[in-house]
Protein backbone atom coordinates (compact mmCIF):
# COMPACT_ATOMS: atom_id res chain seq x y z
CA MET A 1 -113.19 76.81 12.59
CA ASP A 2 -116.78 75.62 12.99
CA PRO A 3 -116.86 71.93 11.90
CA ILE A 4 -119.62 72.48 9.30
CA ASN A 5 -117.69 75.42 7.83
CA ALA A 6 -114.57 73.26 7.71
CA LEU A 7 -116.52 70.64 5.76
CA LYS A 8 -117.92 73.30 3.42
CA ALA A 9 -114.42 74.68 2.73
CA TYR A 10 -113.23 71.14 1.92
CA TYR A 11 -116.01 70.60 -0.65
CA GLN A 12 -115.81 74.04 -2.14
CA GLN A 13 -112.17 73.36 -2.91
CA LEU A 14 -113.04 69.99 -4.48
CA ASN A 15 -116.12 71.23 -6.33
CA PRO A 16 -116.26 75.04 -6.77
CA SER A 17 -119.47 74.77 -8.82
CA MET A 18 -121.50 73.53 -5.84
CA THR A 19 -124.47 75.88 -5.27
CA GLU A 20 -125.84 77.06 -1.94
CA GLU A 21 -128.93 74.90 -2.57
CA ASP A 22 -126.71 71.84 -3.15
CA TRP A 23 -124.72 72.63 -0.02
CA HIS A 24 -127.82 73.01 2.18
CA PHE A 25 -129.08 69.61 1.07
CA PHE A 26 -125.64 68.08 1.64
CA GLN A 27 -125.46 69.68 5.07
CA SER A 28 -128.90 68.33 6.00
CA VAL A 29 -127.58 64.72 6.08
CA GLN A 30 -124.49 65.54 8.18
CA ARG A 31 -124.23 65.21 11.97
CA VAL A 32 -121.56 66.72 14.20
CA ARG A 33 -120.13 64.32 16.78
CA ARG A 34 -117.58 65.04 19.48
CA VAL A 35 -115.43 62.16 20.68
CA LYS A 36 -112.91 62.01 23.55
CA LYS A 37 -109.32 60.88 23.31
CA GLY A 38 -109.22 57.07 23.54
CA GLU A 39 -112.86 56.62 22.52
CA MET A 40 -113.62 53.85 20.04
CA ILE A 41 -115.64 55.23 17.11
CA VAL A 42 -116.09 51.74 15.63
CA LYS A 43 -115.02 48.37 17.08
CA PRO A 44 -115.21 44.70 16.05
CA GLY A 45 -118.69 43.20 15.86
CA GLU A 46 -120.30 46.54 14.95
CA VAL A 47 -121.47 47.69 11.55
CA CYS A 48 -119.74 50.91 10.57
CA ASN A 49 -122.66 53.30 10.02
CA HIS A 50 -120.82 56.42 9.07
CA VAL A 51 -118.20 58.05 6.94
CA SER A 52 -116.63 60.72 9.09
CA PHE A 53 -114.91 63.98 8.14
CA VAL A 54 -112.36 64.89 10.77
CA ALA A 55 -112.90 68.59 11.34
CA GLU A 56 -110.64 68.65 14.41
CA GLY A 57 -108.44 66.06 16.08
CA LEU A 58 -106.91 62.77 14.99
CA VAL A 59 -108.33 59.28 14.32
CA ARG A 60 -106.48 55.97 13.98
CA TYR A 61 -107.65 52.92 12.00
CA PHE A 62 -106.17 49.68 13.39
CA TYR A 63 -106.73 45.92 13.70
CA PHE A 64 -105.22 42.86 15.37
CA ASN A 65 -103.37 40.14 13.47
CA GLU A 66 -102.33 37.07 15.49
CA GLY A 67 -102.64 39.09 18.65
CA LYS A 68 -100.46 41.94 17.29
CA GLU A 69 -101.86 45.46 16.96
CA ILE A 70 -101.45 46.82 13.43
CA THR A 71 -102.01 50.52 12.66
CA ALA A 72 -103.43 50.84 9.14
CA ASP A 73 -104.01 54.58 8.87
CA PHE A 74 -103.95 57.92 10.63
CA CYS A 75 -106.59 60.49 9.79
CA PRO A 76 -105.87 64.10 10.92
CA GLU A 77 -107.96 67.21 10.22
CA ASN A 78 -109.58 67.73 6.81
CA CYS A 79 -109.80 64.12 5.66
CA TYR A 80 -112.32 61.30 5.77
CA THR A 81 -112.18 58.13 7.78
CA SER A 82 -114.40 55.04 7.87
CA GLU A 83 -114.28 51.25 7.93
CA TYR A 84 -115.59 51.55 4.41
CA CYS A 85 -116.05 47.89 3.59
CA SER A 86 -118.39 47.48 6.60
CA PHE A 87 -120.10 50.74 5.69
CA LEU A 88 -120.84 49.58 2.17
CA THR A 89 -121.71 45.92 2.86
CA ARG A 90 -123.60 46.61 6.13
CA ARG A 91 -121.66 43.75 7.71
CA PRO A 92 -119.84 43.85 11.08
CA THR A 93 -116.25 44.95 11.03
CA MET A 94 -113.22 43.28 12.56
CA ASP A 95 -111.35 46.61 12.81
CA TYR A 96 -111.19 49.64 15.08
CA LEU A 97 -111.46 53.39 14.62
CA GLU A 98 -110.06 55.19 17.66
CA ALA A 99 -109.80 58.90 18.51
CA LEU A 100 -106.18 59.63 19.39
CA GLU A 101 -107.15 63.15 20.45
CA ASP A 102 -110.31 64.88 21.46
CA SER A 103 -111.92 65.14 18.03
CA ILE A 104 -114.83 66.69 16.19
CA LEU A 105 -116.29 64.63 13.38
CA VAL A 106 -118.92 65.48 10.78
CA GLU A 107 -120.61 62.22 10.05
CA MET A 108 -122.89 61.00 7.29
CA ASP A 109 -124.74 57.71 7.64
CA TYR A 110 -125.47 55.12 4.99
CA GLU A 111 -129.07 56.29 4.41
CA GLY A 112 -127.84 59.88 4.12
CA MET A 113 -125.35 58.94 1.43
CA GLN A 114 -128.03 57.05 -0.54
CA SER A 115 -130.31 60.07 -0.38
CA LEU A 116 -127.50 62.19 -1.77
CA TYR A 117 -126.97 59.77 -4.62
CA SER A 118 -130.65 59.98 -5.53
CA ARG A 119 -130.25 63.73 -6.11
CA GLY A 120 -128.01 63.27 -9.16
CA ALA A 121 -124.50 63.46 -10.58
CA LEU A 122 -123.08 66.16 -8.28
CA PHE A 123 -123.67 64.15 -5.17
CA GLU A 124 -122.63 60.91 -6.81
CA ARG A 125 -119.33 62.67 -7.52
CA MET A 126 -119.02 63.74 -3.88
CA GLY A 127 -119.54 60.16 -2.78
CA ARG A 128 -116.97 59.01 -5.29
CA LEU A 129 -114.43 61.53 -4.02
CA ILE A 130 -114.90 60.27 -0.45
CA ALA A 131 -114.45 56.67 -1.60
CA GLU A 132 -111.46 57.50 -3.76
CA GLY A 133 -109.75 59.33 -0.89
CA LEU A 134 -110.21 56.36 1.46
CA PHE A 135 -109.03 53.91 -1.17
CA ILE A 136 -105.99 55.93 -2.20
CA SER A 137 -104.83 56.28 1.45
CA LEU A 138 -104.94 52.54 2.16
CA SER A 139 -103.66 51.53 -1.32
CA THR A 140 -100.69 53.89 -1.04
CA ARG A 141 -99.74 52.45 2.35
CA ASN A 142 -99.98 48.87 1.11
CA SER A 143 -97.87 49.68 -1.97
CA THR A 144 -95.26 51.41 0.20
CA LEU A 145 -95.02 48.44 2.56
CA MET A 146 -94.41 46.10 -0.36
CA THR A 147 -91.97 48.15 -2.40
CA LYS A 148 -90.04 50.56 -0.12
CA SER A 149 -87.28 50.00 2.41
CA PRO A 150 -87.98 50.79 6.08
CA GLU A 151 -85.86 53.95 5.84
CA ASP A 152 -87.69 55.12 2.73
CA ARG A 153 -91.05 54.48 4.39
CA TYR A 154 -89.92 56.53 7.35
CA ASN A 155 -88.64 59.40 5.19
CA GLU A 156 -91.84 59.54 3.12
CA PHE A 157 -94.03 59.49 6.20
CA PHE A 158 -91.92 62.18 7.98
CA GLU A 159 -92.01 64.41 4.92
CA ALA A 160 -95.77 64.05 4.53
CA HIS A 161 -96.72 64.16 8.20
CA PRO A 162 -93.89 65.66 10.36
CA GLN A 163 -96.41 66.75 13.03
CA MET A 164 -97.42 63.13 13.68
CA PHE A 165 -94.24 62.57 15.67
CA GLN A 166 -95.56 65.04 18.26
CA ARG A 167 -99.13 63.70 18.18
CA VAL A 168 -98.75 59.91 18.02
CA PRO A 169 -96.82 57.40 20.14
CA LEU A 170 -93.79 56.05 18.27
CA TYR A 171 -94.93 52.40 18.60
CA MET A 172 -98.01 53.30 16.54
CA ILE A 173 -95.91 54.97 13.86
CA ALA A 174 -93.61 51.91 13.81
CA SER A 175 -96.64 49.64 13.33
CA TYR A 176 -97.93 51.85 10.53
CA LEU A 177 -94.54 51.65 8.80
CA GLY A 178 -94.44 47.85 9.21
CA ILE A 179 -91.35 47.86 11.44
CA THR A 180 -90.59 47.32 15.12
CA PRO A 181 -90.18 50.27 17.56
CA GLU A 182 -86.51 49.26 17.86
CA THR A 183 -85.98 49.52 14.11
CA LEU A 184 -87.73 52.91 14.10
CA SER A 185 -85.42 54.13 16.89
CA ARG A 186 -82.35 52.93 14.93
CA ILE A 187 -83.55 54.71 11.76
CA ARG A 188 -84.15 57.95 13.62
CA LYS A 189 -80.78 57.79 15.37
CA ARG A 190 -78.96 57.06 12.10
CA LEU A 191 -80.69 59.91 10.25
CA THR A 192 -80.02 62.32 13.10
CA GLU A 193 -76.33 61.46 13.12
CA LYS A 194 -76.21 61.79 9.33
CA ALA A 195 -77.82 65.21 9.53
CA LYS A 196 -75.23 66.35 12.09
CA GLN A 197 -72.38 65.20 9.87
CA ASN A 198 -73.81 67.12 6.92
CA SER A 199 -74.40 70.34 8.86
């Protein structure tokens, strides 16, 4: 699907009352960007200037803690990604956004978002939906890390995103789940053996 049409379908589902006039103004502040696998969309020391709708591909949000790489989020097609704190505060980030696949993003910069807000409640709601989606994604992960067992985290992730195991290296998934690659391998082996016994 054309990236702009993918974005339009996303917002029509969220807000069926959006008129063609509203959509054309919204579209006017969007920019299509193509990034290659392995390309850094944002890296430490930069201000994150965009919120990005992933029309095609896969983006990872990660950072380093005491020299250890920590994956904070995966963003596949039809969702938004950003280093939103940097985007809002206009301060440099310490985090990374990386394309894990060749990807097509539809980006909106800070000035574009402010111009949308000035148009009224409809566009303020759109901005709020973007912010809420980003917040819910990271908040859900943090809550899961604190309250669920490693096996429960794995099961929930697998049920929600089974395709990720074909698209993402296992060490990144392990990092996202807050476990070591060795622990992830043991969980997968144990669940596979359990499934064989039950079949």
